């Protein structure tokens, strides 16, 4: 994976220093009221590198593959998966996986995600959350989802995080340790929250950058005609569809883009074209 070259940058250096400081004090010390958890020298260096690289990234590439394995190692985990929630398709897609069976992940994308009680519950949390605190294993272990998807790859102790990015999308990290390992703790929660802040910022440069990305193809057509000043009857005639169908699509455009009227919709549509250029 291509990595941006490091350039000495005072602002970036301060950002890195601020983010790793809470993890570099001796065990048992406190900083800003938070109990510090242990990190080795190599982990501190890795964390600094992740934050620095995400801050300095100049490309529109998805940062998740770039950071995935280092994040897994920082959390001392066995497996990692990350998906993107597409609000238009209402499904998870674009998987990034480390140490998970690709066949199992394909099954998740095809069908298992639609019968996934864990993710529905975990997405309610705004910060990194240890799975056991939200979905005790005594309960999770009895579900078909655990037996069919989690257990085959040895996923037992989990920690998840879900964060919104642009145009209604959500990115996540679902990180697991095997049953024989120790459970995740507060140290891991703090680390995952820290890194996810920078991943979200970097993600905004590659996620859908125009309003057109959350509209269907037909809605884009109609929004374009609205922006040109066409009435609903004009649009119905041009596209060969009924007046009521046009009204339905226009209202959906309003809802998806948060517009109160046709003037706002037209302005948003042209603004999206400008940002795409």
Protein backbone atom coordinates (compact mmCIF):
# COMPACT_ATOMS: atom_id res chain seq x y z
CA UNK A 1 0.00 0.00 0.00
CA UNK A 2 1.39 3.38 -0.97
CA UNK A 3 2.08 5.65 1.99
CA UNK A 4 2.43 9.41 1.84
CA UNK A 5 5.99 10.61 2.48
CA UNK A 6 6.61 12.27 5.82
CA UNK A 7 7.36 15.97 5.82
CA UNK A 8 8.33 17.92 8.91
CA UNK A 9 5.18 19.82 9.82
CA UNK A 10 4.76 21.57 13.17
CA UNK A 11 0.98 21.34 13.23
CA UNK A 12 1.01 17.64 12.43
CA UNK A 13 3.74 17.00 14.99
CA UNK A 14 1.62 18.66 17.68
CA UNK A 15 -1.43 16.61 16.67
CA UNK A 16 0.55 13.41 16.92
CA UNK A 17 2.05 14.43 20.25
CA UNK A 18 -1.36 15.32 21.70
CA UNK A 19 -2.89 12.01 20.64
CA UNK A 20 -0.14 9.67 21.88
CA UNK A 21 0.61 11.54 25.12
CA UNK A 22 -2.17 9.85 27.15
CA UNK A 23 -0.70 6.45 26.25
CA UNK A 24 2.97 7.14 27.00
CA UNK A 25 2.99 7.69 30.74
CA UNK A 26 4.08 4.87 33.05
CA UNK A 27 1.36 2.40 34.01
CA UNK A 28 -0.83 3.69 36.81
CA UNK A 29 -0.26 7.40 36.16
CA UNK A 30 -3.18 9.61 35.20
CA UNK A 31 -3.64 12.34 32.65
CA UNK A 32 -6.71 14.57 32.41
CA UNK A 33 -8.58 12.19 34.72
CA UNK A 34 -8.23 9.14 32.46
CA UNK A 35 -6.51 5.98 33.64
CA UNK A 36 -3.63 5.30 31.27
CA UNK A 37 -3.19 1.81 29.86
CA UNK A 38 0.07 0.22 28.80
CA UNK A 39 1.77 0.51 25.42
CA UNK A 40 5.12 -0.83 24.33
CA UNK A 41 7.69 1.36 22.64
CA UNK A 42 6.94 -0.17 19.25
CA UNK A 43 3.19 0.40 19.75
CA UNK A 44 3.75 4.04 20.62
CA UNK A 45 5.80 4.43 17.45
CA UNK A 46 3.12 2.65 15.42
CA UNK A 47 0.35 4.86 16.82
CA UNK A 48 2.33 8.00 16.07
CA UNK A 49 2.88 6.76 12.53
CA UNK A 50 -0.81 6.03 11.98
CA UNK A 51 -1.91 9.46 13.21
CA UNK A 52 0.84 11.23 11.29
CA UNK A 53 0.08 9.40 8.04
CA UNK A 54 -3.66 10.01 8.30
CA UNK A 55 -3.07 13.71 8.98
CA UNK A 56 -0.69 14.09 6.04
CA UNK A 57 -2.56 11.89 3.56
CA UNK A 58 -2.91 13.75 0.29
CA UNK A 59 -4.77 11.10 -1.70
CA UNK A 60 -8.44 10.31 -2.02
CA UNK A 61 -7.77 6.63 -1.35
CA UNK A 62 -9.83 4.79 1.24
CA UNK A 63 -7.76 4.97 4.47
CA UNK A 64 -9.24 1.78 5.94
CA UNK A 65 -6.98 -0.70 4.08
CA UNK A 66 -4.06 1.56 4.88
CA UNK A 67 -4.65 1.48 8.63
CA UNK A 68 -6.42 -1.88 9.17
CA UNK A 69 -3.56 -4.20 10.08
CA UNK A 70 -1.77 -1.62 12.20
CA UNK A 71 -5.01 -1.01 14.09
CA UNK A 72 -5.41 -4.74 14.65
CA UNK A 73 -1.87 -4.96 16.02
CA UNK A 74 -2.29 -1.90 18.24
CA UNK A 75 -5.38 -3.49 19.78
CA UNK A 76 -3.53 -6.83 20.04
CA UNK A 77 -6.40 -8.48 18.21
CA UNK A 78 -6.68 -11.57 16.04
CA UNK A 79 -9.13 -10.45 13.34
CA UNK A 80 -10.52 -7.22 11.93
CA UNK A 81 -13.24 -6.32 9.47
CA UNK A 82 -14.44 -2.94 8.28
CA UNK A 83 -17.47 -2.14 6.13
CA UNK A 84 -19.16 0.91 4.66
CA UNK A 85 -22.90 1.40 5.12
CA UNK A 86 -24.55 2.58 1.90
CA UNK A 87 -27.79 4.40 2.81
CA UNK A 88 -29.07 4.27 -0.75
CA UNK A 89 -28.76 0.48 -1.00
CA UNK A 90 -29.40 0.00 2.73
CA UNK A 91 -26.62 -2.52 3.07
CA UNK A 92 -22.97 -2.93 4.09
CA UNK A 93 -20.38 -3.13 1.34
CA UNK A 94 -16.68 -2.49 0.56
CA UNK A 95 -15.21 -4.90 3.13
CA UNK A 96 -11.66 -4.59 4.41
CA UNK A 97 -10.62 -7.73 6.26
CA UNK A 98 -7.60 -8.97 8.21
CA UNK A 99 -7.37 -12.66 9.18
CA UNK A 100 -10.96 -13.46 8.27
CA UNK A 101 -12.11 -16.06 5.79
CA UNK A 102 -13.09 -14.23 2.54
CA UNK A 103 -15.75 -16.87 1.89
CA UNK A 104 -17.32 -16.15 5.26
CA UNK A 105 -17.25 -12.41 4.56
CA UNK A 106 -18.89 -12.99 1.17
CA UNK A 107 -21.69 -14.84 2.92
CA UNK A 108 -22.09 -11.89 5.26
CA UNK A 109 -22.38 -9.46 2.34
CA UNK A 110 -24.82 -11.68 0.46
CA UNK A 111 -27.20 -12.65 3.23
CA UNK A 112 -25.99 -12.74 6.83
CA UNK A 113 -25.88 -8.97 7.23
CA UNK A 114 -29.67 -8.93 6.92
CA UNK A 115 -29.95 -11.22 9.95
CA UNK A 116 -27.27 -9.59 12.09
CA UNK A 117 -28.57 -8.75 15.59
CA UNK A 118 -25.15 -7.63 16.82
CA UNK A 119 -24.48 -4.77 14.41
CA UNK A 120 -27.98 -3.35 14.82
CA UNK A 121 -27.33 -3.06 18.54
CA UNK A 122 -23.72 -1.86 18.35
CA UNK A 123 -24.51 0.98 15.93
CA UNK A 124 -26.52 2.68 18.69
CA UNK A 125 -23.28 3.58 20.50
CA UNK A 126 -21.42 6.75 19.55
CA UNK A 127 -18.01 5.58 20.78
CA UNK A 128 -15.94 2.43 20.65
CA UNK A 129 -17.78 -0.22 22.63
CA UNK A 130 -16.76 -3.62 23.96
CA UNK A 131 -19.22 -6.15 22.59
CA UNK A 132 -19.74 -7.90 25.91
CA UNK A 133 -21.08 -4.71 27.52
CA UNK A 134 -23.79 -4.34 24.87
CA UNK A 135 -24.47 -7.96 23.94
CA UNK A 136 -23.35 -10.45 26.63
CA UNK A 137 -21.84 -13.61 25.20
CA UNK A 138 -24.37 -15.69 27.12
CA UNK A 139 -26.98 -14.12 24.84
CA UNK A 140 -24.92 -13.66 21.68
CA UNK A 141 -23.54 -17.19 21.75
CA UNK A 142 -27.00 -18.66 21.41
CA UNK A 143 -27.82 -16.77 18.21
CA UNK A 144 -27.61 -18.23 14.74
CA UNK A 145 -25.47 -15.26 13.74
CA UNK A 146 -22.77 -16.26 16.23
CA UNK A 147 -22.86 -19.89 15.18
CA UNK A 148 -22.92 -19.18 11.44
CA UNK A 149 -20.59 -16.19 11.18
CA UNK A 150 -18.59 -15.29 14.28
CA UNK A 151 -17.65 -18.72 15.59
CA UNK A 152 -16.09 -20.12 12.36
CA UNK A 153 -13.45 -17.37 12.40
CA UNK A 154 -12.92 -17.62 16.17
CA UNK A 155 -14.44 -14.22 16.94
CA UNK A 156 -15.27 -14.20 20.65
CA UNK A 157 -14.02 -11.07 22.47
CA UNK A 158 -15.08 -8.08 20.38
CA UNK A 159 -14.83 -4.31 20.20
CA UNK A 160 -16.72 -2.29 17.57
CA UNK A 161 -16.97 1.32 16.47
CA UNK A 162 -19.33 2.96 13.96
CA UNK A 163 -18.97 6.54 12.78
CA UNK A 164 -20.90 8.59 10.20
CA UNK A 165 -19.02 10.15 7.32
CA UNK A 166 -20.28 12.22 4.42
CA UNK A 167 -23.64 11.88 2.68
CA UNK A 168 -25.19 9.48 5.14
CA UNK A 169 -22.55 6.77 4.96
CA UNK A 170 -21.19 4.98 8.02
CA UNK A 171 -17.79 3.33 8.34
CA UNK A 172 -16.93 0.84 11.04
CA UNK A 173 -14.25 -1.36 12.55
CA UNK A 174 -15.22 -4.73 14.02
CA UNK A 175 -12.26 -6.15 15.89
CA UNK A 176 -12.03 -9.52 17.62
CA UNK A 177 -9.85 -11.74 19.77
CA UNK A 178 -10.09 -15.50 20.06
CA UNK A 179 -11.73 -17.10 23.06
CA UNK A 180 -8.38 -18.10 24.59
CA UNK A 181 -7.26 -14.46 24.71
CA UNK A 182 -7.95 -11.76 27.30
CA UNK A 183 -11.01 -9.55 26.80
CA UNK A 184 -10.63 -5.98 25.55
CA UNK A 185 -10.33 -3.23 28.16
CA UNK A 186 -10.45 0.55 28.51
CA UNK A 187 -7.00 0.94 26.98
CA UNK A 188 -8.37 -0.52 23.74
CA UNK A 189 -11.47 1.67 23.82
CA UNK A 190 -9.32 4.81 24.15
CA UNK A 191 -7.02 3.73 21.33
CA UNK A 192 -9.85 2.89 18.95
CA UNK A 193 -11.65 6.18 19.63
CA UNK A 194 -8.44 8.11 19.03
CA UNK A 195 -7.59 6.45 15.73
CA UNK A 196 -11.17 6.50 14.45
CA UNK A 197 -11.27 10.30 14.74
CA UNK A 198 -8.47 10.55 12.20
CA UNK A 199 -9.86 7.79 9.97
CA UNK A 200 -13.17 9.66 9.71
CA UNK A 201 -11.41 12.86 8.77
CA UNK A 202 -9.38 11.08 6.09
CA UNK A 203 -12.48 9.24 4.87
CA UNK A 204 -14.22 12.50 4.03
CA UNK A 205 -11.75 12.96 1.17
CA UNK A 206 -12.70 9.72 -0.59
CA UNK A 207 -16.34 9.10 0.39
CA UNK A 208 -19.03 10.38 -1.90
CA UNK A 209 -18.37 14.09 -2.31
CA UNK A 210 -21.54 15.19 -4.09
CA UNK A 211 -25.21 15.07 -3.25
CA UNK A 212 -25.77 13.05 -6.43
CA UNK A 213 -24.21 10.02 -4.73
CA UNK A 214 -27.18 9.55 -2.40
CA UNK A 215 -29.83 10.05 -5.09
CA UNK A 216 -31.03 7.34 -7.44
CA UNK A 217 -30.37 7.76 -11.15
CA UNK A 218 -33.98 8.90 -11.71
CA UNK A 219 -33.77 11.35 -8.81
CA UNK A 220 -30.60 12.85 -10.27
CA UNK A 221 -32.40 13.35 -13.59
CA UNK A 222 -35.28 15.10 -11.88
CA UNK A 223 -33.05 17.23 -9.63
CA UNK A 224 -31.16 18.36 -12.73
CA UNK A 225 -34.40 19.43 -14.43
CA UNK A 226 -35.62 21.19 -11.28
CA UNK A 227 -32.32 23.08 -11.19
CA UNK A 228 -32.98 24.18 -14.79
CA UNK A 229 -36.31 25.68 -13.75
CA UNK A 230 -38.64 23.00 -15.09
CA UNK A 231 -42.03 22.57 -13.46
CA UNK A 232 -43.26 19.17 -12.39
CA UNK A 233 -45.51 19.00 -15.44
CA UNK A 234 -42.55 19.89 -17.67
CA UNK A 235 -40.51 17.08 -16.09
CA UNK A 236 -43.35 14.58 -16.50
CA UNK A 237 -43.57 15.43 -20.20
CA UNK A 238 -39.80 15.35 -20.79
CA UNK A 239 -39.26 12.01 -19.03
CA UNK A 240 -42.51 10.41 -20.09
CA UNK A 241 -43.68 9.66 -16.56
CA UNK A 242 -46.76 10.66 -14.59
CA UNK A 243 -47.10 13.92 -12.69
CA UNK A 244 -47.61 12.05 -9.40
CA UNK A 245 -44.39 10.06 -9.98
CA UNK A 246 -42.49 13.30 -10.49
CA UNK A 247 -43.90 14.68 -7.23
CA UNK A 248 -42.85 11.52 -5.39
CA UNK A 249 -39.27 11.79 -6.69
CA UNK A 250 -39.05 15.52 -5.93
CA UNK A 251 -40.21 14.93 -2.36
CA UNK A 252 -37.63 12.18 -1.93
CA UNK A 253 -34.93 14.57 -3.13
CA UNK A 254 -36.10 17.09 -0.55
CA UNK A 255 -35.96 14.48 2.21
CA UNK A 256 -32.55 13.03 1.28
CA UNK A 257 -30.86 16.40 0.82
CA UNK A 258 -32.69 18.29 3.56
CA UNK A 259 -34.14 20.88 1.17
CA UNK A 260 -37.25 22.90 2.00
CA UNK A 261 -38.15 23.93 -1.54
CA UNK A 262 -37.25 23.73 -5.23
CA UNK A 263 -34.89 26.71 -5.05
CA UNK A 264 -32.80 24.99 -2.38
CA UNK A 265 -32.79 21.74 -4.35
CA UNK A 266 -31.57 23.53 -7.47
CA UNK A 267 -28.87 25.37 -5.53
CA UNK A 268 -27.69 22.15 -3.85
CA UNK A 269 -27.58 20.34 -7.18
CA UNK A 270 -25.44 23.00 -8.86
CA UNK A 271 -23.21 23.24 -5.78
CA UNK A 272 -22.55 19.50 -6.00
CA UNK A 273 -21.53 19.85 -9.63
CA UNK A 274 -19.08 22.62 -8.69
CA UNK A 275 -17.50 20.54 -5.92
CA UNK A 276 -17.11 17.59 -8.28
CA UNK A 277 -15.31 19.66 -10.92
